[in-house]
């Protein structure tokens, strides 16, 4: 489920790992471990759903075309739930 949350957040706006963790804390009231978030970012990048680019402080992630399609598919699948 965390992968879906991360994709959704990156879909709103490109973000680095620290920003993603802060957003999850703000929205869901839980502080995810970097040991969960960063490996998931690597997996999502390996699957071609996101792309990371070196920023000033850290890597900034954005959705790829494949990632955008995945988000749309999730919206279709879960709209009836």
Protein backbone atom coordinates (compact mmCIF):
# COMPACT_ATOMS: atom_id res chain seq x y z
CA UNK A 1 0.00 0.00 0.00
CA UNK A 2 2.90 2.36 0.70
CA UNK A 3 3.93 2.14 -2.96
CA UNK A 4 0.48 3.40 -4.01
CA UNK A 5 0.71 6.29 -1.54
CA UNK A 6 4.17 7.22 -2.81
CA UNK A 7 3.07 7.08 -6.46
CA UNK A 8 0.07 9.26 -5.67
CA UNK A 9 2.23 11.84 -3.90
CA UNK A 10 4.80 11.98 -6.68
CA UNK A 11 1.92 12.26 -9.14
CA UNK A 12 0.83 15.46 -7.44
CA UNK A 13 4.29 16.99 -7.51
CA UNK A 14 7.87 15.78 -8.00
CA UNK A 15 9.45 15.16 -4.61
CA UNK A 16 12.48 13.79 -2.82
CA UNK A 17 12.45 11.10 -0.16
CA UNK A 18 12.42 13.54 2.76
CA UNK A 19 9.48 15.47 1.28
CA UNK A 20 7.58 12.24 0.68
CA UNK A 21 8.10 11.13 4.28
CA UNK A 22 7.01 14.55 5.59
CA UNK A 23 3.87 14.45 3.40
CA UNK A 24 2.96 10.97 4.65
CA UNK A 25 3.35 12.17 8.24
CA UNK A 26 1.19 15.23 7.54
CA UNK A 27 -1.55 13.36 5.65
CA UNK A 28 -1.69 10.06 7.50
CA UNK A 29 -0.22 10.86 10.91
CA UNK A 30 2.47 8.19 10.67
CA UNK A 31 6.18 8.64 10.20
CA UNK A 32 7.45 6.10 7.69
CA UNK A 33 10.95 4.77 8.09
CA UNK A 34 13.56 5.75 5.50
CA UNK A 35 14.29 1.99 5.44
CA UNK A 36 10.84 1.55 3.89
CA UNK A 37 10.57 4.64 1.67
CA UNK A 38 13.96 4.59 -0.07
CA UNK A 39 13.87 0.91 -1.06
CA UNK A 40 10.34 1.44 -2.42
CA UNK A 41 11.57 4.42 -4.45
CA UNK A 42 14.31 2.19 -5.88
CA UNK A 43 11.77 -0.51 -6.74
CA UNK A 44 9.36 1.95 -8.37
CA UNK A 45 12.24 3.43 -10.36
CA UNK A 46 13.39 -0.05 -11.39
CA UNK A 47 9.85 -0.82 -12.60
CA UNK A 48 9.94 2.33 -14.72
CA UNK A 49 7.06 4.00 -12.83
CA UNK A 50 9.15 6.91 -11.56
CA UNK A 51 12.35 8.62 -12.59
CA UNK A 52 14.82 10.13 -10.16
CA UNK A 53 16.97 13.12 -11.02
CA UNK A 54 19.72 14.57 -8.89
CA UNK A 55 18.53 17.75 -7.21
CA UNK A 56 20.44 20.20 -5.04
CA UNK A 57 20.04 18.19 -1.83
CA UNK A 58 18.75 14.82 -2.92
CA UNK A 59 17.26 12.86 -5.76
CA UNK A 60 13.89 14.24 -6.89
CA UNK A 61 11.38 11.74 -8.25
CA UNK A 62 8.71 12.28 -10.87
CA UNK A 63 6.22 9.98 -12.57
CA UNK A 64 7.08 8.52 -15.95
CA UNK A 65 4.47 7.97 -18.65
CA UNK A 66 4.21 4.38 -17.38
CA UNK A 67 3.69 5.67 -13.83
CA UNK A 68 0.94 8.04 -14.96
CA UNK A 69 -0.80 5.17 -16.75
CA UNK A 70 -0.52 3.07 -13.57
CA UNK A 71 -2.13 5.83 -11.50
CA UNK A 72 -5.00 6.08 -14.00
CA UNK A 73 -5.47 2.31 -13.90
CA UNK A 74 -5.59 2.40 -10.09
CA UNK A 75 -8.23 5.15 -10.22
CA UNK A 76 -10.36 3.01 -12.53
CA UNK A 77 -9.94 -0.17 -10.51
CA UNK A 78 -10.53 1.43 -7.10
CA UNK A 79 -13.26 3.91 -7.98
CA UNK A 80 -15.93 1.31 -7.19
CA UNK A 81 -14.51 0.43 -3.78
